[in-house]
N, C-alpha and C. Protein backbone atom coordinates (compact mmCIF):
# COMPACT_ATOMS: atom_id res chain seq x y z
N MET A 1 -14.53 -5.01 -35.42
CA MET A 1 -14.05 -4.21 -35.87
C MET A 1 -12.96 -4.29 -37.05
N ARG A 2 -12.83 -3.78 -38.00
CA ARG A 2 -12.23 -3.91 -39.36
C ARG A 2 -10.99 -2.80 -39.12
N HIS A 3 -9.81 -3.49 -39.63
CA HIS A 3 -8.79 -2.70 -39.99
C HIS A 3 -8.20 -2.62 -41.08
N ARG A 4 -7.70 -1.84 -42.01
CA ARG A 4 -6.85 -2.08 -42.95
C ARG A 4 -5.29 -2.35 -42.92
N MET A 5 -4.74 -3.22 -43.47
CA MET A 5 -3.50 -3.31 -43.32
C MET A 5 -2.48 -2.15 -44.00
N GLY A 6 -1.78 -1.59 -43.44
CA GLY A 6 -0.92 -0.20 -43.97
C GLY A 6 -0.16 -0.70 -45.29
N LYS A 7 0.77 -1.67 -45.13
CA LYS A 7 1.47 -2.16 -46.39
C LYS A 7 0.85 -2.70 -47.54
N LEU A 8 -0.44 -3.58 -46.95
CA LEU A 8 -1.36 -4.01 -48.16
C LEU A 8 -2.50 -3.76 -47.79
N PRO A 9 -3.04 -2.67 -48.44
CA PRO A 9 -4.43 -1.79 -48.21
C PRO A 9 -5.51 -2.64 -48.89
N HIS A 10 -5.12 -3.62 -49.69
CA HIS A 10 -6.40 -4.50 -50.09
C HIS A 10 -6.69 -5.73 -49.17
N VAL A 11 -6.00 -5.80 -47.92
CA VAL A 11 -6.49 -6.86 -47.04
C VAL A 11 -6.89 -5.98 -45.52
N ILE A 12 -8.11 -6.33 -45.25
CA ILE A 12 -8.72 -5.68 -43.98
C ILE A 12 -8.70 -7.12 -43.21
N LEU A 13 -8.35 -6.57 -41.92
CA LEU A 13 -8.46 -7.87 -40.62
C LEU A 13 -9.68 -7.39 -39.78
N VAL A 14 -10.65 -8.60 -39.94
CA VAL A 14 -11.78 -8.37 -39.09
C VAL A 14 -11.79 -9.16 -37.89
N SER A 15 -12.13 -8.40 -36.78
CA SER A 15 -12.06 -8.76 -35.53
C SER A 15 -13.26 -8.70 -34.95
N GLU A 16 -13.64 -9.62 -33.99
CA GLU A 16 -14.79 -10.39 -33.40
C GLU A 16 -14.45 -10.17 -32.00
N LEU A 17 -14.70 -9.58 -31.10
CA LEU A 17 -14.75 -9.96 -29.43
C LEU A 17 -16.13 -10.15 -28.86
N PRO A 18 -16.22 -11.41 -28.93
CA PRO A 18 -17.53 -12.00 -28.27
C PRO A 18 -17.27 -12.15 -26.62
N PRO A 19 -17.85 -11.41 -25.78
CA PRO A 19 -17.52 -11.54 -24.32
C PRO A 19 -18.32 -12.54 -23.86
N GLN A 20 -17.80 -13.06 -22.90
CA GLN A 20 -18.40 -14.62 -22.46
C GLN A 20 -18.07 -14.41 -20.74
N PRO A 21 -18.87 -15.03 -19.62
CA PRO A 21 -18.28 -14.96 -18.31
C PRO A 21 -16.98 -15.37 -18.03
N GLY A 22 -16.42 -13.96 -17.38
CA GLY A 22 -15.04 -14.09 -17.22
C GLY A 22 -14.05 -13.99 -18.28
N LYS A 23 -14.44 -13.59 -19.62
CA LYS A 23 -13.32 -13.60 -20.59
C LYS A 23 -14.10 -12.94 -21.84
N VAL A 24 -13.12 -12.32 -22.04
CA VAL A 24 -13.35 -12.06 -23.83
C VAL A 24 -12.43 -12.42 -24.77
N GLN A 25 -13.24 -13.16 -26.05
CA GLN A 25 -12.42 -13.67 -26.76
C GLN A 25 -12.48 -12.77 -28.17
N PHE A 26 -10.77 -13.13 -28.69
CA PHE A 26 -10.63 -12.20 -30.17
C PHE A 26 -10.28 -12.97 -30.92
N VAL A 27 -11.25 -13.00 -32.02
CA VAL A 27 -10.98 -13.92 -33.51
C VAL A 27 -11.14 -13.01 -34.34
N LEU A 28 -9.72 -13.35 -35.03
CA LEU A 28 -9.39 -12.55 -36.31
C LEU A 28 -9.16 -13.27 -37.59
N ARG A 29 -9.98 -12.44 -38.51
CA ARG A 29 -9.83 -13.06 -39.80
C ARG A 29 -9.43 -12.03 -41.29
N ALA A 30 -8.97 -12.62 -41.73
CA ALA A 30 -8.52 -11.53 -43.34
C ALA A 30 -9.16 -11.84 -44.31
N GLU A 31 -9.70 -10.63 -44.74
CA GLU A 31 -10.14 -10.76 -46.01
C GLU A 31 -10.13 -9.72 -47.18
N LEU A 32 -10.51 -9.81 -48.34
CA LEU A 32 -10.43 -8.59 -49.33
C LEU A 32 -11.13 -7.71 -49.50
N ASP A 33 -10.70 -6.36 -49.66
CA ASP A 33 -11.35 -5.47 -50.15
C ASP A 33 -11.94 -5.38 -51.27
N PRO A 34 -12.94 -5.55 -51.71
CA PRO A 34 -13.56 -6.01 -53.31
C PRO A 34 -13.33 -4.62 -53.92
N GLU A 35 -13.41 -3.52 -53.32
CA GLU A 35 -13.31 -2.45 -53.77
C GLU A 35 -11.67 -1.62 -54.35
N GLN A 36 -10.65 -2.49 -53.82
CA GLN A 36 -9.52 -2.61 -54.26
C GLN A 36 -9.16 -3.22 -55.60
N GLY A 37 -9.87 -3.85 -55.98
CA GLY A 37 -10.02 -4.65 -57.22
C GLY A 37 -10.11 -6.11 -57.25
N ALA A 38 -10.52 -6.58 -58.40
CA ALA A 38 -10.56 -8.03 -58.41
C ALA A 38 -9.26 -8.69 -58.43
N ASP A 39 -8.28 -8.28 -58.81
CA ASP A 39 -6.99 -8.90 -58.86
C ASP A 39 -6.07 -9.30 -57.73
N LYS A 40 -6.63 -8.74 -56.57
CA LYS A 40 -5.68 -8.46 -55.56
C LYS A 40 -6.06 -10.05 -54.83
N GLN A 41 -5.00 -10.39 -54.21
CA GLN A 41 -4.87 -11.72 -53.15
C GLN A 41 -4.32 -11.41 -51.85
N LEU A 42 -5.07 -12.16 -51.10
CA LEU A 42 -4.42 -12.40 -49.51
C LEU A 42 -2.71 -12.82 -49.62
N PRO A 43 -2.19 -12.26 -48.80
CA PRO A 43 -0.89 -12.69 -48.98
C PRO A 43 -0.52 -14.45 -48.49
N ALA A 44 0.51 -14.95 -49.05
CA ALA A 44 0.55 -16.62 -48.35
C ALA A 44 0.45 -16.64 -46.91
N GLN A 45 1.32 -15.54 -46.45
CA GLN A 45 1.48 -15.90 -45.03
C GLN A 45 0.76 -14.50 -44.50
N LEU A 46 0.02 -14.96 -43.29
CA LEU A 46 -0.41 -13.41 -42.79
C LEU A 46 0.47 -12.85 -41.99
N PRO A 47 0.00 -11.51 -41.56
CA PRO A 47 0.97 -10.77 -40.70
C PRO A 47 1.16 -10.99 -39.50
N HIS A 48 2.26 -11.21 -38.97
CA HIS A 48 2.54 -11.42 -37.47
C HIS A 48 1.89 -10.61 -36.67
N LEU A 49 1.09 -10.71 -35.46
CA LEU A 49 0.37 -9.61 -34.87
C LEU A 49 0.87 -9.47 -33.58
N ASN A 50 0.65 -8.40 -33.02
CA ASN A 50 1.63 -8.01 -31.46
C ASN A 50 0.53 -7.28 -30.88
N PHE A 51 -0.55 -7.91 -30.46
CA PHE A 51 -1.54 -7.21 -29.47
C PHE A 51 -0.96 -7.34 -27.97
N CYS A 52 -1.23 -5.59 -27.58
CA CYS A 52 -0.67 -5.48 -26.31
C CYS A 52 -1.63 -5.30 -25.06
N LEU A 53 -1.86 -5.96 -24.28
CA LEU A 53 -2.77 -5.95 -23.22
C LEU A 53 -2.06 -4.98 -21.98
N SER A 54 -2.30 -3.56 -22.06
CA SER A 54 -1.84 -2.68 -21.34
C SER A 54 -2.59 -2.87 -20.19
N LEU A 55 -2.28 -2.41 -18.80
CA LEU A 55 -3.01 -2.40 -17.69
C LEU A 55 -2.45 -1.20 -17.03
N LYS A 56 -2.20 -0.22 -17.86
CA LYS A 56 -1.74 1.17 -16.82
C LYS A 56 -2.92 1.73 -16.42
N ARG A 57 -3.90 1.79 -16.80
CA ARG A 57 -5.44 2.08 -16.37
C ARG A 57 -5.92 1.69 -15.52
N ALA A 58 -5.43 0.40 -14.98
CA ALA A 58 -5.93 -0.50 -13.95
C ALA A 58 -4.97 -0.25 -12.85
N ARG A 59 -5.07 1.25 -12.45
CA ARG A 59 -4.38 1.72 -11.43
C ARG A 59 -5.06 1.42 -9.91
N GLY A 60 -4.18 0.74 -8.89
CA GLY A 60 -4.71 0.33 -7.65
C GLY A 60 -5.17 -1.08 -7.98
N CYS A 61 -4.95 -1.84 -8.81
CA CYS A 61 -5.50 -2.90 -9.16
C CYS A 61 -4.62 -3.93 -9.85
N PHE A 62 -3.89 -3.59 -11.08
CA PHE A 62 -2.82 -4.14 -11.52
C PHE A 62 -1.46 -3.49 -12.04
N ASP A 63 -2.01 -2.35 -11.98
CA ASP A 63 -0.95 -1.41 -12.37
C ASP A 63 0.01 -1.09 -11.14
N PRO A 64 1.60 -1.03 -11.44
CA PRO A 64 2.42 -0.80 -10.23
C PRO A 64 2.51 0.42 -9.48
N TYR A 65 1.76 1.23 -9.62
CA TYR A 65 1.88 2.71 -9.42
C TYR A 65 1.14 2.65 -7.91
N PRO A 66 1.94 3.02 -6.86
CA PRO A 66 3.13 4.26 -7.09
C PRO A 66 4.46 3.54 -6.56
N ASP A 67 4.56 2.24 -6.67
CA ASP A 67 5.78 1.73 -6.41
C ASP A 67 6.59 1.44 -7.24
N PRO A 68 7.70 1.11 -7.34
CA PRO A 68 8.97 1.07 -8.69
C PRO A 68 8.15 -0.25 -9.56
N PHE A 69 8.69 -0.05 -10.61
CA PHE A 69 8.21 -0.75 -11.89
C PHE A 69 8.38 -2.26 -11.42
N PRO A 70 9.63 -2.81 -10.87
CA PRO A 70 9.67 -4.01 -10.61
C PRO A 70 8.70 -4.84 -10.00
N GLU A 71 7.96 -4.06 -8.89
CA GLU A 71 6.88 -4.78 -8.31
C GLU A 71 5.77 -5.43 -9.16
N PHE A 72 5.75 -4.90 -10.36
CA PHE A 72 4.86 -5.56 -11.61
C PHE A 72 5.43 -6.77 -11.83
N ILE A 73 6.62 -6.93 -11.96
CA ILE A 73 7.54 -8.02 -12.56
C ILE A 73 7.32 -9.40 -11.63
N GLY A 74 7.14 -8.98 -10.34
CA GLY A 74 6.94 -9.84 -9.25
C GLY A 74 5.44 -10.55 -9.34
N ARG A 75 4.64 -9.93 -9.99
CA ARG A 75 3.08 -10.60 -9.70
C ARG A 75 2.77 -11.10 -11.32
N SER A 76 4.00 -11.00 -12.42
CA SER A 76 3.48 -11.27 -13.70
C SER A 76 3.99 -12.80 -13.79
N PHE A 77 3.40 -13.65 -14.24
CA PHE A 77 3.43 -15.23 -14.31
C PHE A 77 3.61 -15.85 -15.81
N ILE A 78 4.13 -16.68 -15.77
CA ILE A 78 4.00 -17.94 -16.95
C ILE A 78 3.74 -19.56 -16.32
N PHE A 79 3.69 -19.95 -16.87
CA PHE A 79 3.62 -21.63 -16.43
C PHE A 79 4.94 -22.41 -16.91
N THR A 80 5.65 -23.06 -15.83
CA THR A 80 6.80 -23.75 -16.15
C THR A 80 6.53 -25.38 -15.83
N GLU A 81 7.68 -25.96 -15.57
CA GLU A 81 7.49 -27.28 -15.25
C GLU A 81 7.06 -27.31 -13.27
N ALA A 82 7.39 -26.20 -13.12
CA ALA A 82 7.32 -25.86 -11.70
C ALA A 82 5.91 -25.15 -11.28
N GLY A 83 5.08 -25.21 -12.53
CA GLY A 83 3.67 -24.70 -11.96
C GLY A 83 3.67 -23.21 -12.60
N ARG A 84 2.81 -22.40 -11.88
CA ARG A 84 2.60 -21.03 -12.03
C ARG A 84 4.26 -20.51 -11.52
N THR A 85 4.82 -19.82 -12.27
CA THR A 85 6.28 -19.30 -12.13
C THR A 85 6.17 -17.55 -12.63
N PHE A 86 6.55 -16.93 -11.12
CA PHE A 86 6.38 -15.45 -11.19
C PHE A 86 7.69 -15.06 -12.18
N LEU A 87 7.49 -14.09 -12.74
CA LEU A 87 8.97 -13.68 -13.45
C LEU A 87 10.14 -13.28 -12.87
N ASP A 88 9.82 -12.54 -11.44
CA ASP A 88 10.89 -12.42 -10.86
C ASP A 88 11.95 -13.43 -10.32
N THR A 89 11.60 -14.49 -10.44
CA THR A 89 12.31 -15.86 -10.04
C THR A 89 12.57 -16.26 -11.26
N ILE A 90 12.73 -15.76 -12.54
CA ILE A 90 13.39 -16.48 -13.88
C ILE A 90 14.54 -15.74 -14.24
N PRO A 91 15.55 -16.11 -14.65
CA PRO A 91 16.55 -15.30 -15.10
C PRO A 91 16.09 -14.72 -16.62
N ARG A 92 16.57 -13.20 -16.27
CA ARG A 92 16.07 -12.39 -17.11
C ARG A 92 17.10 -11.51 -17.83
N GLY A 93 17.17 -11.57 -19.46
CA GLY A 93 18.36 -10.84 -19.99
C GLY A 93 18.05 -9.31 -19.77
N LYS A 94 19.25 -8.52 -20.25
CA LYS A 94 19.19 -7.09 -20.05
C LYS A 94 18.73 -6.58 -21.30
N ILE A 95 18.29 -5.28 -21.21
CA ILE A 95 17.97 -4.07 -22.08
C ILE A 95 18.94 -4.17 -22.86
N SER A 96 19.25 -3.89 -24.02
CA SER A 96 20.46 -3.52 -24.57
C SER A 96 20.39 -2.11 -25.26
N GLU A 97 21.80 -1.78 -25.36
CA GLU A 97 21.96 -0.32 -25.38
C GLU A 97 21.12 0.06 -27.04
N ARG A 98 20.87 -0.54 -27.72
CA ARG A 98 19.96 -0.29 -29.03
C ARG A 98 18.74 0.15 -28.53
N TYR A 99 18.16 -0.25 -27.37
CA TYR A 99 17.03 0.44 -26.96
C TYR A 99 17.26 1.61 -25.68
N GLY A 100 18.50 1.91 -25.71
CA GLY A 100 18.86 2.83 -24.91
C GLY A 100 18.82 2.57 -23.40
N ALA A 101 19.24 1.64 -22.75
CA ALA A 101 19.87 1.01 -21.74
C ALA A 101 21.07 0.42 -21.45
N SER A 102 22.15 1.26 -20.86
CA SER A 102 23.19 0.86 -20.19
C SER A 102 23.17 -0.03 -19.69
N ASP A 103 24.34 -0.99 -18.86
CA ASP A 103 24.47 -2.09 -17.81
C ASP A 103 23.62 -1.36 -16.68
N ALA A 104 24.56 0.24 -16.29
CA ALA A 104 24.16 0.65 -15.34
C ALA A 104 22.59 1.52 -15.43
N ASP A 105 21.74 1.14 -16.23
CA ASP A 105 20.64 1.86 -16.20
C ASP A 105 19.64 1.09 -15.50
N PRO A 106 18.47 2.38 -14.44
CA PRO A 106 17.70 1.46 -13.55
C PRO A 106 16.98 0.33 -14.07
N ARG A 107 16.57 0.48 -15.45
CA ARG A 107 15.69 -0.42 -16.15
C ARG A 107 16.47 -2.01 -16.22
N ASN A 108 17.98 -1.40 -15.92
CA ASN A 108 18.43 -3.19 -16.06
C ASN A 108 18.82 -3.48 -14.76
N ASN A 109 18.43 -3.10 -13.47
CA ASN A 109 18.88 -3.48 -12.33
C ASN A 109 17.65 -3.69 -11.12
N PRO A 110 16.78 -4.65 -11.48
CA PRO A 110 16.67 -5.83 -12.51
C PRO A 110 16.15 -5.58 -13.76
N PRO A 111 16.62 -6.27 -14.72
CA PRO A 111 15.88 -6.11 -15.94
C PRO A 111 14.22 -5.51 -16.08
N TRP A 112 13.87 -4.97 -16.66
CA TRP A 112 12.36 -4.52 -16.52
C TRP A 112 11.25 -5.20 -17.45
N VAL A 113 11.97 -5.70 -18.59
CA VAL A 113 11.49 -6.29 -19.70
C VAL A 113 11.71 -7.82 -20.01
N ALA A 114 11.05 -8.64 -20.52
CA ALA A 114 11.30 -9.99 -20.75
C ALA A 114 10.53 -10.42 -21.45
N ARG A 115 11.35 -11.54 -22.97
CA ARG A 115 10.37 -12.04 -23.71
C ARG A 115 10.76 -13.59 -23.42
N TYR A 116 9.60 -14.60 -23.56
CA TYR A 116 9.86 -16.07 -23.17
C TYR A 116 9.62 -16.67 -24.51
N ARG A 117 10.32 -17.57 -25.08
CA ARG A 117 10.43 -18.48 -25.80
C ARG A 117 9.43 -19.43 -25.62
N ALA A 118 8.84 -20.19 -26.74
CA ALA A 118 7.81 -21.59 -26.12
C ALA A 118 8.63 -22.72 -25.42
N GLU A 119 10.26 -22.45 -25.54
CA GLU A 119 10.85 -23.66 -24.71
C GLU A 119 11.07 -23.18 -23.13
N SER A 120 10.62 -21.86 -23.07
CA SER A 120 10.71 -21.48 -21.58
C SER A 120 9.26 -21.69 -20.73
N PHE A 121 8.22 -22.24 -21.75
CA PHE A 121 6.91 -22.33 -20.99
C PHE A 121 5.99 -23.70 -21.21
N THR A 122 5.20 -24.08 -20.27
CA THR A 122 4.52 -25.38 -20.80
C THR A 122 3.22 -25.03 -21.14
N ALA A 123 2.41 -23.71 -20.99
CA ALA A 123 1.26 -23.40 -21.44
C ALA A 123 1.86 -22.16 -22.29
N PRO A 124 0.75 -21.56 -23.31
CA PRO A 124 0.59 -20.82 -24.12
C PRO A 124 -0.18 -19.69 -23.26
N ILE A 125 0.03 -19.09 -21.86
CA ILE A 125 -0.65 -18.46 -20.93
C ILE A 125 0.55 -17.37 -20.66
N ILE A 126 0.02 -16.12 -20.54
CA ILE A 126 0.85 -15.21 -19.37
C ILE A 126 -0.01 -14.25 -18.73
N GLY A 127 0.01 -13.96 -17.39
CA GLY A 127 -0.86 -13.08 -16.75
C GLY A 127 -0.23 -12.40 -15.71
N VAL A 128 -1.27 -11.69 -14.66
CA VAL A 128 -0.67 -10.79 -13.77
C VAL A 128 -1.92 -10.90 -12.66
N VAL A 129 -1.28 -11.20 -11.45
CA VAL A 129 -2.04 -11.13 -10.21
C VAL A 129 -2.48 -9.36 -9.81
N SER A 130 -3.28 -9.67 -9.40
CA SER A 130 -3.74 -7.92 -8.59
C SER A 130 -3.02 -7.90 -7.55
N ARG A 131 -2.87 -6.34 -7.26
CA ARG A 131 -2.00 -5.77 -6.03
C ARG A 131 -2.50 -6.57 -4.73
N ASP A 132 -4.17 -6.91 -4.84
CA ASP A 132 -4.34 -7.60 -3.51
C ASP A 132 -4.34 -8.90 -3.54
N LYS A 133 -3.88 -9.48 -4.42
CA LYS A 133 -3.57 -10.86 -4.75
C LYS A 133 -4.87 -11.66 -4.69
N GLN A 134 -5.99 -10.85 -4.91
CA GLN A 134 -7.36 -11.76 -5.15
C GLN A 134 -7.89 -12.28 -6.62
N HIS A 135 -7.39 -11.49 -7.44
CA HIS A 135 -7.76 -11.62 -8.87
C HIS A 135 -6.70 -11.66 -9.88
N LEU A 136 -6.85 -12.44 -10.75
CA LEU A 136 -5.78 -12.55 -11.93
C LEU A 136 -6.26 -11.92 -13.45
N ILE A 137 -5.48 -11.28 -14.19
CA ILE A 137 -5.89 -11.04 -15.76
C ILE A 137 -4.47 -11.93 -16.33
N ALA A 138 -5.31 -12.63 -17.52
CA ALA A 138 -4.19 -13.61 -18.24
C ALA A 138 -4.52 -13.55 -19.63
N ILE A 139 -3.80 -13.88 -20.45
CA ILE A 139 -3.99 -13.96 -22.17
C ILE A 139 -3.67 -15.58 -22.32
N GLY A 140 -4.48 -16.11 -22.96
CA GLY A 140 -4.30 -17.38 -23.10
C GLY A 140 -4.69 -17.62 -24.88
N SER A 141 -3.93 -18.63 -25.33
CA SER A 141 -4.23 -18.67 -26.66
C SER A 141 -3.90 -20.54 -27.49
N SER A 142 -4.41 -20.46 -28.74
CA SER A 142 -4.32 -21.83 -29.11
C SER A 142 -3.17 -22.36 -29.43
N THR A 143 -2.02 -21.42 -29.66
CA THR A 143 -0.66 -21.68 -30.11
C THR A 143 0.19 -20.22 -29.91
N CYS A 144 1.34 -20.25 -29.51
CA CYS A 144 2.19 -19.00 -29.56
C CYS A 144 3.73 -19.61 -29.69
N ASP A 145 4.42 -18.40 -30.13
CA ASP A 145 5.64 -19.20 -29.96
C ASP A 145 6.80 -18.20 -28.80
N ALA A 146 6.05 -17.25 -28.34
CA ALA A 146 6.52 -16.73 -27.49
C ALA A 146 5.79 -15.71 -26.68
N VAL A 147 5.81 -15.24 -25.19
CA VAL A 147 4.97 -14.32 -24.31
C VAL A 147 6.15 -13.16 -23.92
N ALA A 148 5.39 -12.24 -23.48
CA ALA A 148 6.34 -11.21 -23.20
C ALA A 148 5.67 -10.28 -22.23
N GLN A 149 6.68 -9.71 -21.46
CA GLN A 149 6.07 -8.62 -20.23
C GLN A 149 6.76 -7.43 -20.56
N ALA A 150 6.14 -6.24 -20.63
CA ALA A 150 6.91 -5.44 -20.90
C ALA A 150 6.37 -3.90 -19.97
N TRP A 151 7.19 -2.68 -20.31
CA TRP A 151 7.02 -1.69 -19.23
C TRP A 151 5.91 -0.96 -19.30
N ALA A 152 4.69 -1.00 -19.90
CA ALA A 152 3.58 -0.34 -20.47
C ALA A 152 2.92 0.15 -19.10
N PRO A 153 2.60 -0.65 -18.35
CA PRO A 153 3.07 -2.22 -18.19
C PRO A 153 1.82 -3.11 -19.00
N CYS A 154 2.67 -3.72 -19.23
CA CYS A 154 1.85 -4.85 -20.31
C CYS A 154 2.39 -6.07 -20.61
N ILE A 155 1.23 -7.11 -21.01
CA ILE A 155 1.50 -8.26 -21.65
C ILE A 155 1.42 -8.49 -22.70
N HIS A 156 2.02 -9.74 -23.53
CA HIS A 156 2.04 -9.94 -24.86
C HIS A 156 1.97 -11.34 -24.82
N ASN A 157 1.21 -11.89 -25.80
CA ASN A 157 1.11 -13.32 -26.03
C ASN A 157 0.89 -13.43 -27.72
N PHE A 158 2.18 -13.94 -28.48
CA PHE A 158 2.10 -14.13 -29.56
C PHE A 158 1.74 -15.15 -30.56
N SER A 159 0.37 -15.19 -30.40
CA SER A 159 -0.32 -16.11 -30.98
C SER A 159 -0.10 -16.30 -32.34
N GLN A 160 -0.64 -17.43 -32.85
CA GLN A 160 -0.13 -17.76 -34.40
C GLN A 160 -1.52 -17.80 -35.16
N TRP A 161 -1.61 -17.63 -36.49
CA TRP A 161 -2.71 -18.04 -37.36
C TRP A 161 -2.79 -19.36 -37.47
N VAL A 162 -3.96 -20.05 -37.29
CA VAL A 162 -4.03 -21.47 -37.62
C VAL A 162 -5.35 -21.80 -37.96
N PRO A 163 -5.54 -22.79 -38.73
CA PRO A 163 -4.41 -24.05 -39.15
C PRO A 163 -3.18 -23.48 -39.93
N ARG A 164 -2.34 -23.94 -39.39
CA ARG A 164 -1.12 -23.34 -40.54
C ARG A 164 -1.11 -23.98 -41.59
N ASP A 165 -1.46 -24.90 -41.86
CA ASP A 165 -1.26 -25.34 -43.15
C ASP A 165 -2.73 -25.37 -44.25
N ALA A 166 -3.84 -24.17 -43.32
CA ALA A 166 -4.86 -24.09 -44.19
C ALA A 166 -4.71 -22.65 -45.40
N PRO A 167 -5.42 -22.41 -46.37
CA PRO A 167 -5.36 -21.18 -47.17
C PRO A 167 -5.48 -20.05 -46.32
N PRO A 168 -4.91 -18.98 -46.31
CA PRO A 168 -4.95 -17.81 -45.60
C PRO A 168 -6.45 -17.48 -45.23
N GLU A 169 -7.37 -17.33 -46.26
CA GLU A 169 -8.81 -16.86 -45.98
C GLU A 169 -9.43 -17.91 -44.83
N GLN A 170 -8.88 -19.27 -44.64
CA GLN A 170 -9.44 -19.93 -43.72
C GLN A 170 -8.90 -19.87 -42.27
N GLN A 171 -7.51 -19.25 -42.12
CA GLN A 171 -7.08 -19.26 -40.97
C GLN A 171 -7.39 -18.08 -40.09
N ARG A 172 -7.68 -18.21 -38.67
CA ARG A 172 -7.97 -17.60 -37.56
C ARG A 172 -6.75 -17.06 -36.80
N TRP A 173 -7.00 -16.25 -36.17
CA TRP A 173 -6.13 -15.88 -35.27
C TRP A 173 -6.90 -15.38 -33.60
N ARG A 174 -6.67 -16.65 -32.57
CA ARG A 174 -7.59 -16.46 -31.70
C ARG A 174 -6.73 -16.06 -30.45
N TRP A 175 -7.52 -15.54 -29.22
CA TRP A 175 -6.80 -15.08 -28.02
C TRP A 175 -7.89 -14.48 -27.22
N ASN A 176 -7.55 -15.27 -25.89
CA ASN A 176 -8.63 -14.87 -24.91
C ASN A 176 -8.16 -14.30 -23.51
N VAL A 177 -8.92 -13.42 -23.21
CA VAL A 177 -8.36 -12.67 -22.21
C VAL A 177 -9.50 -13.02 -20.70
N TYR A 178 -8.77 -13.51 -19.97
CA TYR A 178 -9.29 -14.21 -18.61
C TYR A 178 -9.12 -13.39 -17.50
N VAL A 179 -10.32 -13.00 -16.98
CA VAL A 179 -10.42 -11.71 -15.57
C VAL A 179 -11.06 -12.88 -14.56
N MET A 180 -10.49 -13.35 -13.51
CA MET A 180 -11.16 -13.85 -12.71
C MET A 180 -10.27 -14.05 -11.20
N PRO A 181 -11.06 -14.89 -10.45
CA PRO A 181 -10.40 -15.18 -8.86
C PRO A 181 -8.52 -15.51 -9.24
N ASN A 182 -8.00 -15.03 -8.50
CA ASN A 182 -6.48 -15.67 -8.06
C ASN A 182 -6.51 -17.19 -8.22
N ASP A 183 -6.60 -17.80 -8.98
CA ASP A 183 -6.47 -19.46 -9.04
C ASP A 183 -6.14 -20.13 -10.17
N SER A 184 -4.68 -20.48 -10.05
CA SER A 184 -3.89 -20.67 -11.47
C SER A 184 -4.16 -22.06 -11.65
N ASP A 185 -4.72 -23.10 -10.93
CA ASP A 185 -5.54 -24.06 -11.57
C ASP A 185 -6.80 -24.12 -12.41
N ALA A 186 -7.58 -23.04 -11.82
CA ALA A 186 -8.78 -22.85 -12.28
C ALA A 186 -8.21 -22.22 -13.88
N LEU A 187 -7.51 -21.51 -13.85
CA LEU A 187 -6.94 -20.67 -15.36
C LEU A 187 -6.27 -21.59 -16.38
N ARG A 188 -5.67 -22.63 -15.68
CA ARG A 188 -5.03 -23.45 -16.65
C ARG A 188 -6.27 -24.48 -16.96
N GLU A 189 -7.26 -24.94 -16.10
CA GLU A 189 -8.68 -25.69 -16.82
C GLU A 189 -9.24 -24.91 -17.77
N ARG A 190 -9.42 -23.81 -17.58
CA ARG A 190 -10.34 -22.81 -18.37
C ARG A 190 -9.51 -22.85 -19.79
N VAL A 191 -8.11 -22.44 -19.97
CA VAL A 191 -7.70 -22.37 -21.08
C VAL A 191 -7.44 -23.56 -21.71
N ALA A 192 -7.27 -25.00 -21.15
CA ALA A 192 -7.29 -26.22 -21.67
C ALA A 192 -8.58 -26.41 -21.90
N GLU A 193 -9.66 -26.14 -21.89
CA GLU A 193 -11.03 -26.39 -22.50
C GLU A 193 -11.41 -25.40 -23.66
N ASP A 194 -10.86 -24.46 -23.59
CA ASP A 194 -10.69 -23.19 -24.52
C ASP A 194 -10.19 -23.63 -25.65
N PHE A 195 -8.75 -24.21 -25.45
CA PHE A 195 -7.81 -24.39 -26.55
C PHE A 195 -7.18 -25.94 -26.28
N PRO A 196 -8.22 -26.96 -26.52
CA PRO A 196 -7.32 -28.20 -26.28
C PRO A 196 -6.33 -28.76 -27.11
N GLY A 197 -5.54 -29.22 -26.20
CA GLY A 197 -4.05 -29.36 -26.46
C GLY A 197 -2.99 -28.59 -26.82
N THR A 198 -3.28 -27.46 -25.53
CA THR A 198 -2.10 -26.69 -25.62
C THR A 198 -1.15 -26.91 -24.65
N PHE A 199 -1.06 -27.77 -23.88
CA PHE A 199 -0.39 -27.88 -22.81
C PHE A 199 0.97 -28.89 -23.17
N ASN A 200 2.00 -28.87 -22.81
CA ASN A 200 3.09 -29.77 -23.30
C ASN A 200 3.17 -30.63 -22.33
């Protein structure tokens, strides 16, 4: 797939999605559009990407419907020092009034969304267990500075362009989506194999 950057129309983000057993890999690179002029250059810092893995269409499997949304939070997880940790067991900040949610808003009781910085997790993974507890879907990456669970219902893994010290034309943005039996140890092993050195 090819997407033109809105603010930098001479930059094309090229996405390759090679499917493999139990996962789909996303690999992105940036390149110049030669039709926009030979004097153009890639930005020194490539854009921060925020891909959303929405599970709303997975009704009856990963979506919380017909239950209240917090049911989804209880099946969403990250990895901490305690191992796989479900997000309803972790302190969560409230949604601010800036986003239209007062302290009394049902979306704050408990808070419906949360973003976790790198110091909160031990692996760049966020996932959701299916309603029947038989399967999981998760995002793993080579490196990220945050993961998030939101009310779409969706999960986010804020992967970074790597190698960080390479010129922008040599950098790649990588992200794997795993669909597999509900086995957190097997998930960790797969991510460790795909992205060596990702575990703290």
